[in-house]
Protein backbone atom coordinates (compact mmCIF):
# COMPACT_ATOMS: atom_id res chain seq x y z
CA MET A 1 106.66 108.21 85.16
CA LEU A 2 108.25 109.54 82.01
CA ARG A 3 110.56 106.53 81.86
CA SER A 4 107.63 104.11 82.07
CA VAL A 5 105.80 105.96 79.27
CA LEU A 6 108.90 105.82 77.03
CA THR A 7 109.45 102.15 77.81
CA ALA A 8 105.81 101.36 77.02
CA ARG A 9 106.07 103.37 73.81
CA ALA A 10 109.25 101.53 72.77
CA ARG A 11 107.49 98.19 73.30
CA ARG A 12 104.54 99.32 71.17
CA PHE A 13 106.76 100.84 68.44
CA PRO A 14 109.95 98.74 68.24
CA LEU A 15 110.97 100.28 64.90
CA ALA A 16 111.48 103.65 66.56
CA GLU A 17 114.66 102.41 68.23
CA ASN A 18 116.13 101.30 64.89
CA SER A 19 114.84 104.20 62.78
CA SER A 20 118.21 105.93 62.49
CA SER A 21 119.79 102.66 61.39
CA ARG A 22 117.02 102.12 58.80
CA ILE A 23 117.44 105.67 57.54
CA ARG A 24 121.19 105.11 57.08
CA TRP A 25 120.61 101.84 55.17
CA THR A 26 117.93 103.44 53.01
CA ALA A 27 120.22 106.38 52.22
CA LEU A 28 123.03 103.99 51.38
CA GLY A 29 120.75 102.01 49.06
CA ILE A 30 119.59 105.16 47.29
CA GLY A 31 123.19 106.29 46.97
CA ILE A 32 124.22 102.99 45.37
CA VAL A 33 121.34 103.19 42.91
CA LEU A 34 122.28 106.78 41.96
CA VAL A 35 125.94 105.87 41.49
CA ALA A 36 124.93 102.93 39.28
CA PHE A 37 122.62 105.19 37.24
CA ILE A 38 125.37 107.78 36.77
CA ALA A 39 127.82 105.05 35.73
CA VAL A 40 125.38 103.73 33.14
CA MET A 41 124.74 107.23 31.79
CA ALA A 42 128.47 107.97 31.62
CA ALA A 43 129.11 104.72 29.76
CA ALA A 44 126.35 105.56 27.31
CA SER A 45 127.52 109.14 26.76
CA ASP A 46 129.25 108.16 23.51
CA GLU A 47 126.05 106.69 22.10
CA GLN A 48 123.59 108.70 20.03
CA LEU A 49 120.52 109.59 22.02
CA VAL A 50 117.52 108.60 19.94
CA VAL A 51 114.25 110.21 20.92
CA THR A 52 110.91 109.98 19.13
CA ASN A 53 108.39 112.70 18.49
CA ARG A 54 105.33 113.01 16.27
CA VAL A 55 107.37 114.07 13.22
CA LEU A 56 109.25 110.76 13.14
CA GLY A 57 107.81 108.40 10.55
CA ASN A 58 105.73 111.11 8.92
CA PRO A 59 106.19 113.39 5.92
CA VAL A 60 108.66 116.16 6.66
CA PRO A 61 107.15 119.57 7.44
CA ASP A 62 107.76 122.26 4.83
CA VAL A 63 111.40 123.31 5.14
CA SER A 64 111.84 126.22 2.80
CA GLY A 65 112.56 129.91 2.75
CA GLU A 66 115.27 132.50 2.39
CA THR A 67 118.71 131.47 3.58
CA LEU A 68 121.03 133.69 5.59
CA ASP A 69 123.19 134.30 2.52
CA GLY A 70 120.19 135.67 0.59
CA GLY A 71 119.44 132.55 -1.44
CA THR A 72 116.46 130.26 -1.16
CA TYR A 73 116.06 126.69 -0.02
CA ASP A 74 113.28 124.15 -0.51
CA ILE A 75 113.59 120.60 0.80
CA ALA A 76 111.34 119.46 -2.06
CA ASP A 77 114.27 120.05 -4.43
CA ALA A 78 116.36 117.43 -2.59
CA GLN A 79 113.48 114.99 -2.76
CA ALA A 80 113.00 115.62 -6.49
CA GLU A 81 116.70 114.84 -7.02
CA GLY A 82 116.58 111.69 -4.84
CA ARG A 83 118.80 113.03 -2.03
CA TRP A 84 118.61 112.49 1.72
CA THR A 85 118.39 115.61 3.87
CA ILE A 86 119.72 116.24 7.35
CA VAL A 87 117.70 118.97 9.10
CA ASN A 88 119.80 120.26 11.99
CA PHE A 89 118.54 122.70 14.64
CA PHE A 90 121.38 124.60 16.29
CA ALA A 91 122.63 127.81 17.91
CA THR A 92 126.12 129.22 18.32
CA TRP A 93 125.64 129.47 22.10
CA CYS A 94 124.94 125.71 22.35
CA ALA A 95 128.05 123.74 23.37
CA GLY A 96 126.76 120.52 21.81
CA CYS A 97 126.09 122.36 18.54
CA VAL A 98 129.63 123.71 18.47
CA ASN A 99 131.03 120.24 19.28
CA GLU A 100 129.08 118.50 16.52
CA HIS A 101 129.87 121.08 13.83
CA PRO A 102 133.05 119.34 12.56
CA GLU A 103 131.02 116.12 12.23
CA LEU A 104 128.46 117.94 10.10
CA VAL A 105 131.27 119.42 7.97
CA ALA A 106 132.62 115.87 7.44
CA PHE A 107 129.12 114.63 6.58
CA GLU A 108 128.64 117.51 4.14
CA GLN A 109 131.84 116.48 2.34
CA TRP A 110 130.62 112.87 2.13
CA GLY A 111 127.24 114.06 0.83
CA GLN A 112 128.88 116.18 -1.86
CA GLN A 113 131.26 113.39 -2.92
CA THR A 114 128.49 110.82 -3.21
CA GLY A 115 125.71 113.17 -4.31
CA ARG A 116 123.41 111.31 -1.92
CA ALA A 117 122.77 113.80 0.88
CA GLU A 118 122.68 117.40 1.98
CA ILE A 119 122.31 119.39 5.18
CA VAL A 120 120.05 122.30 6.00
CA ALA A 121 120.42 124.10 9.30
CA VAL A 122 117.74 125.95 11.20
CA VAL A 123 118.80 128.67 13.62
CA PHE A 124 117.34 128.32 17.11
CA ASN A 125 117.05 131.65 18.93
CA ASP A 126 120.38 133.11 17.82
CA PRO A 127 121.27 136.46 16.20
CA VAL A 128 121.96 136.15 12.47
CA GLU A 129 125.28 138.01 12.83
CA GLU A 130 126.52 135.41 15.33
CA VAL A 131 125.54 132.56 13.02
CA GLU A 132 127.23 134.13 10.00
CA ALA A 133 130.43 134.70 12.02
CA PHE A 134 130.32 131.11 13.31
CA PHE A 135 130.08 129.61 9.82
CA ALA A 136 132.79 131.94 8.51
CA ALA A 137 135.13 130.78 11.28
CA ASN A 138 134.21 127.06 11.34
CA GLY A 139 133.24 126.15 7.79
CA GLY A 140 130.14 124.51 6.47
CA GLY A 141 128.56 125.52 3.21
CA TRP A 142 125.04 124.25 3.73
CA PRO A 143 121.95 126.48 3.66
CA VAL A 144 120.91 128.08 6.95
CA LEU A 145 117.33 129.15 7.61
CA ASP A 146 116.16 131.53 10.33
CA ASN A 147 112.52 130.53 10.64
CA PRO A 148 111.07 130.53 14.18
CA ALA A 149 108.09 128.41 13.05
CA LEU A 150 110.24 125.40 12.14
CA PRO A 151 111.31 124.42 15.69
CA VAL A 152 107.62 124.36 16.59
CA GLU A 153 106.73 122.31 13.49
CA PHE A 154 109.44 119.77 14.37
CA GLN A 155 108.66 119.78 18.11
CA VAL A 156 112.23 120.74 18.97
CA SER A 157 112.71 120.60 22.73
CA GLN A 158 116.47 120.95 23.09
CA ILE A 159 119.36 121.57 20.77
CA PRO A 160 121.17 120.24 18.97
CA GLU A 161 118.40 118.24 17.39
CA THR A 162 118.69 116.51 14.05
CA PHE A 163 116.16 114.89 11.72
CA VAL A 164 117.04 112.52 8.88
CA VAL A 165 114.71 112.79 5.89
CA ASN A 166 114.76 110.14 3.16
CA PRO A 167 114.43 110.98 -0.54
CA SER A 168 110.69 110.22 -0.35
CA GLY A 169 110.25 113.07 2.13
CA ARG A 170 109.66 110.95 5.22
CA VAL A 171 111.43 111.63 8.54
CA VAL A 172 113.17 108.33 9.30
CA ASP A 173 115.32 109.30 12.27
CA HIS A 174 115.35 111.90 15.02
CA LEU A 175 118.28 112.54 17.33
CA GLN A 176 118.75 114.79 20.33
CA GLY A 177 122.31 115.63 21.21
CA GLU A 178 125.48 115.70 19.16
CA VAL A 179 125.47 113.74 15.90
CA ARG A 180 128.34 111.89 14.28
CA ALA A 181 129.01 111.76 10.56
CA ASP A 182 129.51 107.98 10.61
CA TYR A 183 126.11 107.49 12.26
CA LEU A 184 124.32 109.62 9.66
CA ILE A 185 126.13 107.81 6.84
CA SER A 186 125.18 104.43 8.32
CA VAL A 187 121.50 105.41 8.34
CA ILE A 188 121.66 106.49 4.69
CA GLU A 189 123.58 103.40 3.61
CA GLY A 190 121.08 101.16 5.38
CA ARG A 191 123.54 99.74 7.91
CA PHE A 192 121.32 101.15 10.65
CA ASN A 193 117.60 100.71 10.34
CA PRO A 194 115.87 103.21 12.65
């Protein structure tokens, strides 16, 4: 009796007999797609990740205030002098921030030599003492602001995040992930048109 019920069921539902085979082929297909996706992401890991947010293309939010060394900074001064500004959000506990720091130091040197650009950093959830020690050990003479409102103003979602501001005060590029000096220079020199 049971055998006849199973046989009748198998005739009515022929896919049931091959379901384990279909599951294996489906799993294999998903696996191939995932491997291909990972390969594409790994190949693109050297590329800058460009992400848009509402700040991009608009006037830069007010970036001003007291710097960690007791001075003051106002992005309007850079605009008045016709300089580009790189606004970089970072923390000392962020591996990507630590990795990109030498690139920012190289960019700072280029900016000083040409007089065309400057950097301002904004601390993201990091003790001031840690930031001061980091800069003392790794170089970088740009102003550093500790203003918790700025990440909100810029819609920062992960660090490092960098915004390129032209001399007119408009945000022309936004990058998530590590930046490279040559990329920033290419934007300023017009070789890359974001």
